[in-house]
Amino acid sequence: MKAKTPSESLTILTDYVLPGETNPLDSLFGGELLARMDRACGIAAQRHAENIVVTASVNHVAFNKSVPVGSVLVIEAKVSRAFGSSMEIYADVWRECMEEKKRVKVNEGIYTFVAVDKEGNPIRVPALQPETELEKQRYDAALRRKQLSLVLSGRMKPEEATELKKLFYDN
């Protein structure tokens, strides 16, 4: 199976924030943003796996800035690392500011998806070959996040978490 690059999974979802999608402060509901991010990340994962994918977890979401009604919201998602049958997808969320003629980063999130066959059994996905410096940083960080998750869930012994140990000890 040939490795793929993050750019091959790039998914850009662009949409307005409408009044029915906002809270009493006229900002986008957090749950609405999570759903949009999940869709964008799911498409990115499907592009990488070239197969059915399911959401396994939402690992991190940062609601850094509110997104007011009427905003143009842009979600850019792409695979940051592949692990056997699972993939970590990183989503950057931007608001287009027409008055300033620029984009402002408002949120970000990290999702995990698993590729499955028609019966729901996990299947292997291609490896990922990062290209840019940011992609390489996210690729490396994904392994640390995975090891931390495995340690916290009891599926990995702390002494086996080699990437985490590098953060705290000189090798």
C-alpha atoms as a PDB file:
ATOM      1  CA  MET A   1       0.000   0.000   0.000  1.00  0.00           C
ATOM      2  CA  LYS A   2       1.557   3.282  -1.145  1.00  0.00           C
ATOM      3  CA  ALA A   3       1.954   6.077   1.416  1.00  0.00           C
ATOM      4  CA  LYS A   4      -0.046   9.251   0.876  1.00  0.00           C
ATOM      5  CA  THR A   5       0.566  12.891   1.691  1.00  0.00           C
ATOM      6  CA  PRO A   6      -1.657  15.058   3.904  1.00  0.00           C
ATOM      7  CA  SER A   7      -2.521  17.247   0.918  1.00  0.00           C
ATOM      8  CA  GLU A   8      -4.225  14.255  -0.732  1.00  0.00           C
ATOM      9  CA  SER A   9      -6.797  14.249   2.061  1.00  0.00           C
ATOM     10  CA  LEU A  10      -7.256  18.026   2.298  1.00  0.00           C
ATOM     11  CA  THR A  11     -10.912  18.924   2.738  1.00  0.00           C
ATOM     12  CA  ILE A  12     -12.156  22.505   2.836  1.00  0.00           C
ATOM     13  CA  LEU A  13     -15.688  23.069   4.051  1.00  0.00           C
ATOM     14  CA  THR A  14     -17.012  26.631   3.628  1.00  0.00           C
ATOM     15  CA  ASP A  15     -20.406  27.812   4.821  1.00  0.00           C
ATOM     16  CA  TYR A  16     -22.341  30.675   6.372  1.00  0.00           C
ATOM     17  CA  VAL A  17     -23.327  30.794  10.036  1.00  0.00           C
ATOM     18  CA  LEU A  18     -27.109  31.172   9.935  1.00  0.00           C
ATOM     19  CA  PRO A  19     -29.436  32.455  12.694  1.00  0.00           C
ATOM     20  CA  GLY A  20     -30.898  28.989  13.405  1.00  0.00           C
ATOM     21  CA  GLU A  21     -27.403  27.688  14.210  1.00  0.00           C
ATOM     22  CA  THR A  22     -26.582  30.220  16.911  1.00  0.00           C
ATOM     23  CA  ASN A  23     -26.923  30.581  20.671  1.00  0.00           C
ATOM     24  CA  PRO A  24     -28.550  33.507  22.550  1.00  0.00           C
ATOM     25  CA  LEU A  25     -25.345  35.525  22.003  1.00  0.00           C
ATOM     26  CA  ASP A  26     -25.787  35.174  18.212  1.00  0.00           C
ATOM     27  CA  SER A  27     -22.666  33.020  17.948  1.00  0.00           C
ATOM     28  CA  LEU A  28     -22.387  29.558  16.393  1.00  0.00           C
ATOM     29  CA  PHE A  29     -23.458  26.738  18.728  1.00  0.00           C
ATOM     30  CA  GLY A  30     -20.478  24.640  19.834  1.00  0.00           C
ATOM     31  CA  GLY A  31     -22.318  21.469  18.863  1.00  0.00           C
ATOM     32  CA  GLU A  32     -22.977  22.812  15.376  1.00  0.00           C
ATOM     33  CA  LEU A  33     -19.260  23.542  14.983  1.00  0.00           C
ATOM     34  CA  LEU A  34     -18.385  20.034  16.210  1.00  0.00           C
ATOM     35  CA  ALA A  35     -20.736  18.505  13.642  1.00  0.00           C
ATOM     36  CA  ARG A  36     -19.231  20.545  10.810  1.00  0.00           C
ATOM     37  CA  MET A  37     -15.718  19.634  11.917  1.00  0.00           C
ATOM     38  CA  ASP A  38     -16.707  15.956  12.157  1.00  0.00           C
ATOM     39  CA  ARG A  39     -17.998  16.031   8.570  1.00  0.00           C
ATOM     40  CA  ALA A  40     -14.866  17.738   7.224  1.00  0.00           C
ATOM     41  CA  CYS A  41     -12.584  15.357   9.145  1.00  0.00           C
ATOM     42  CA  GLY A  42     -14.641  12.377   7.998  1.00  0.00           C
ATOM     43  CA  ILE A  43     -14.243  13.363   4.365  1.00  0.00           C
ATOM     44  CA  ALA A  44     -10.487  13.830   4.843  1.00  0.00           C
ATOM     45  CA  ALA A  45     -10.228  10.394   6.486  1.00  0.00           C
ATOM     46  CA  GLN A  46     -12.294   8.792   3.723  1.00  0.00           C
ATOM     47  CA  ARG A  47     -10.076  10.354   1.063  1.00  0.00           C
ATOM     48  CA  HIS A  48      -7.003   8.943   2.778  1.00  0.00           C
ATOM     49  CA  ALA A  49      -8.462   5.482   3.431  1.00  0.00           C
ATOM     50  CA  GLU A  50     -10.413   5.261   0.174  1.00  0.00           C
ATOM     51  CA  ASN A  51     -12.970   3.371   2.202  1.00  0.00           C
ATOM     52  CA  ILE A  52     -15.723   3.706   4.792  1.00  0.00           C
ATOM     53  CA  VAL A  53     -14.613   5.534   7.944  1.00  0.00           C
ATOM     54  CA  VAL A  54     -16.223   6.050  11.337  1.00  0.00           C
ATOM     55  CA  THR A  55     -15.509   8.586  14.049  1.00  0.00           C
ATOM     56  CA  ALA A  56     -13.605   6.924  16.887  1.00  0.00           C
ATOM     57  CA  SER A  57     -13.003   9.954  19.089  1.00  0.00           C
ATOM     58  CA  VAL A  58     -12.848  13.692  19.356  1.00  0.00           C
ATOM     59  CA  ASN A  59      -9.454  14.119  20.975  1.00  0.00           C
ATOM     60  CA  HIS A  60      -9.278  17.866  21.302  1.00  0.00           C
ATOM     61  CA  VAL A  61     -11.359  20.899  20.428  1.00  0.00           C
ATOM     62  CA  ALA A  62     -10.451  24.452  21.305  1.00  0.00           C
ATOM     63  CA  PHE A  63     -13.238  27.013  21.203  1.00  0.00           C
ATOM     64  CA  ASN A  64     -10.857  29.973  21.082  1.00  0.00           C
ATOM     65  CA  LYS A  65     -13.103  32.618  19.544  1.00  0.00           C
ATOM     66  CA  SER A  66     -16.815  32.910  18.961  1.00  0.00           C
ATOM     67  CA  VAL A  67     -18.164  32.898  15.435  1.00  0.00           C
ATOM     68  CA  PRO A  68     -20.950  35.462  14.986  1.00  0.00           C
ATOM     69  CA  VAL A  69     -24.071  34.952  12.902  1.00  0.00           C
ATOM     70  CA  GLY A  70     -23.506  35.884   9.272  1.00  0.00           C
ATOM     71  CA  SER A  71     -19.844  34.835   9.320  1.00  0.00           C
ATOM     72  CA  VAL A  72     -18.260  32.782   6.591  1.00  0.00           C
ATOM     73  CA  LEU A  73     -16.732  29.773   8.330  1.00  0.00           C
ATOM     74  CA  VAL A  74     -13.935  27.765   6.703  1.00  0.00           C
ATOM     75  CA  ILE A  75     -12.836  24.374   8.049  1.00  0.00           C
ATOM     76  CA  GLU A  76      -9.635  22.874   6.659  1.00  0.00           C
ATOM     77  CA  ALA A  77      -9.092  19.235   7.605  1.00  0.00           C
ATOM     78  CA  LYS A  78      -6.408  16.772   6.646  1.00  0.00           C
ATOM     79  CA  VAL A  79      -4.898  13.577   7.969  1.00  0.00           C
ATOM     80  CA  SER A  80      -2.013  14.252  10.346  1.00  0.00           C
ATOM     81  CA  ARG A  81      -0.986  10.611  10.928  1.00  0.00           C
ATOM     82  CA  ALA A  82      -2.114   7.083  10.097  1.00  0.00           C
ATOM     83  CA  PHE A  83      -1.844   4.152  12.532  1.00  0.00           C
ATOM     84  CA  GLY A  84      -2.796   0.789  11.075  1.00  0.00           C
ATOM     85  CA  SER A  85      -6.550   1.224  10.665  1.00  0.00           C
ATOM     86  CA  SER A  86      -6.922   4.537  12.492  1.00  0.00           C
ATOM     87  CA  MET A  87      -6.125   8.062  11.390  1.00  0.00           C
ATOM     88  CA  GLU A  88      -5.717  11.305  13.271  1.00  0.00           C
ATOM     89  CA  ILE A  89      -7.238  14.268  11.456  1.00  0.00           C
ATOM     90  CA  TYR A  90      -6.403  17.847  12.341  1.00  0.00           C
ATOM     91  CA  ALA A  91      -8.957  20.556  11.622  1.00  0.00           C
ATOM     92  CA  ASP A  92      -8.213  24.280  11.526  1.00  0.00           C
ATOM     93  CA  VAL A  93     -11.258  26.548  11.705  1.00  0.00           C
ATOM     94  CA  TRP A  94     -11.188  30.039  10.226  1.00  0.00           C
ATOM     95  CA  ARG A  95     -13.587  32.937  10.001  1.00  0.00           C
ATOM     96  CA  GLU A  96     -13.327  35.106   6.915  1.00  0.00           C
ATOM     97  CA  CYS A  97     -13.334  38.758   7.960  1.00  0.00           C
ATOM     98  CA  MET A  98     -14.586  40.731   4.984  1.00  0.00           C
ATOM     99  CA  GLU A  99     -13.985  44.107   6.609  1.00  0.00           C
ATOM    100  CA  GLU A 100     -10.320  43.289   7.270  1.00  0.00           C
ATOM    101  CA  LYS A 101      -9.929  41.190   4.111  1.00  0.00           C
ATOM    102  CA  LYS A 102      -8.274  38.349   6.005  1.00  0.00           C
ATOM    103  CA  ARG A 103      -8.930  35.079   7.764  1.00  0.00           C
ATOM    104  CA  VAL A 104      -8.859  34.757  11.544  1.00  0.00           C
ATOM    105  CA  LYS A 105      -8.272  31.369  13.141  1.00  0.00           C
ATOM    106  CA  VAL A 106     -11.099  30.793  15.594  1.00  0.00           C
ATOM    107  CA  ASN A 107     -10.886  27.116  16.555  1.00  0.00           C
ATOM    108  CA  GLU A 108      -9.099  23.850  15.972  1.00  0.00           C
ATOM    109  CA  GLY A 109      -9.724  20.220  16.678  1.00  0.00           C
ATOM    110  CA  ILE A 110      -8.238  16.761  16.451  1.00  0.00           C
ATOM    111  CA  TYR A 111     -10.394  13.769  15.568  1.00  0.00           C
ATOM    112  CA  THR A 112      -9.637  10.064  15.216  1.00  0.00           C
ATOM    113  CA  PHE A 113     -11.327   7.960  12.543  1.00  0.00           C
ATOM    114  CA  VAL A 114     -11.088   4.253  11.811  1.00  0.00           C
ATOM    115  CA  ALA A 115     -11.404   2.712   8.361  1.00  0.00           C
ATOM    116  CA  VAL A 116     -13.799  -0.229   8.245  1.00  0.00           C
ATOM    117  CA  ASP A 117     -15.136  -2.725   5.750  1.00  0.00           C
ATOM    118  CA  LYS A 118     -18.846  -3.170   4.969  1.00  0.00           C
ATOM    119  CA  GLU A 119     -19.267  -5.360   8.069  1.00  0.00           C
ATOM    120  CA  GLY A 120     -17.675  -2.737  10.323  1.00  0.00           C
ATOM    121  CA  ASN A 121     -14.359  -4.527  10.809  1.00  0.00           C
ATOM    122  CA  PRO A 122     -11.231  -2.325  10.948  1.00  0.00           C
ATOM    123  CA  ILE A 123      -9.058  -2.385   7.829  1.00  0.00           C
ATOM    124  CA  ARG A 124      -5.567  -1.060   7.155  1.00  0.00           C
ATOM    125  CA  VAL A 125      -4.995   2.401   5.729  1.00  0.00           C
ATOM    126  CA  PRO A 126      -2.016   3.798   3.826  1.00  0.00           C
ATOM    127  CA  ALA A 127       0.864   5.310   5.787  1.00  0.00           C
ATOM    128  CA  LEU A 128       1.221   9.090   5.758  1.00  0.00           C
ATOM    129  CA  GLN A 129       4.214  11.009   4.443  1.00  0.00           C
ATOM    130  CA  PRO A 130       4.187  14.592   5.758  1.00  0.00           C
ATOM    131  CA  GLU A 131       5.659  17.264   3.491  1.00  0.00           C
ATOM    132  CA  THR A 132       5.572  20.691   5.141  1.00  0.00           C
ATOM    133  CA  GLU A 133       7.150  21.666   8.447  1.00  0.00           C
ATOM    134  CA  LEU A 134       3.714  22.037  10.070  1.00  0.00           C
ATOM    135  CA  GLU A 135       2.667  18.617   8.757  1.00  0.00           C
ATOM    136  CA  LYS A 136       5.852  17.095  10.217  1.00  0.00           C
ATOM    137  CA  GLN A 137       5.203  18.724  13.595  1.00  0.00           C
ATOM    138  CA  ARG A 138       1.629  17.470  13.665  1.00  0.00           C
ATOM    139  CA  TYR A 139       2.763  14.003  12.519  1.00  0.00           C
ATOM    140  CA  ASP A 140       5.266  13.749  15.393  1.00  0.00           C
ATOM    141  CA  ALA A 141       2.802  15.127  17.938  1.00  0.00           C
ATOM    142  CA  ALA A 142       0.159  12.605  16.845  1.00  0.00           C
ATOM    143  CA  LEU A 143       2.300   9.714  18.088  1.00  0.00           C
ATOM    144  CA  ARG A 144       2.753  11.415  21.468  1.00  0.00           C
ATOM    145  CA  ARG A 145      -1.016  11.963  21.719  1.00  0.00           C
ATOM    146  CA  LYS A 146      -1.681   8.327  20.805  1.00  0.00           C
ATOM    147  CA  GLN A 147       0.807   7.051  23.367  1.00  0.00           C
ATOM    148  CA  LEU A 148      -0.668   9.313  26.053  1.00  0.00           C
ATOM    149  CA  SER A 149      -4.159   8.040  25.252  1.00  0.00           C
ATOM    150  CA  LEU A 150      -2.968   4.425  25.425  1.00  0.00           C
ATOM    151  CA  VAL A 151      -1.199   5.008  28.761  1.00  0.00           C
ATOM    152  CA  LEU A 152      -4.236   6.767  30.257  1.00  0.00           C
ATOM    153  CA  SER A 153      -6.553   3.969  29.120  1.00  0.00           C
ATOM    154  CA  GLY A 154      -4.237   1.297  30.555  1.00  0.00           C
ATOM    155  CA  ARG A 155      -3.494  -0.237  27.148  1.00  0.00           C
ATOM    156  CA  MET A 156       0.189   0.786  27.284  1.00  0.00           C
ATOM    157  CA  LYS A 157       2.624   0.790  30.176  1.00  0.00           C
ATOM    158  CA  PRO A 158       4.157   4.229  30.834  1.00  0.00           C
ATOM    159  CA  GLU A 159       7.660   2.835  30.361  1.00  0.00           C
ATOM    160  CA  GLU A 160       6.700   1.708  26.832  1.00  0.00           C
ATOM    161  CA  ALA A 161       5.671   5.234  25.776  1.00  0.00           C
ATOM    162  CA  THR A 162       8.976   6.071  24.115  1.00  0.00           C
ATOM    163  CA  GLU A 163       7.831   9.356  22.549  1.00  0.00           C
ATOM    164  CA  LEU A 164       6.432  10.617  25.845  1.00  0.00           C
ATOM    165  CA  LYS A 165       9.628   9.712  27.676  1.00  0.00           C
ATOM    166  CA  LYS A 166      11.579  11.863  25.213  1.00  0.00           C
ATOM    167  CA  LEU A 167       9.653  14.887  26.478  1.00  0.00           C
ATOM    168  CA  PHE A 168      10.886  14.366  30.028  1.00  0.00           C
ATOM    169  CA  TYR A 169      14.209  12.540  29.822  1.00  0.00           C
ATOM    170  CA  ASP A 170      17.415  13.003  27.839  1.00  0.00           C
ATOM    171  CA  ASN A 171      18.096  10.059  25.574  1.00  0.00           C
END
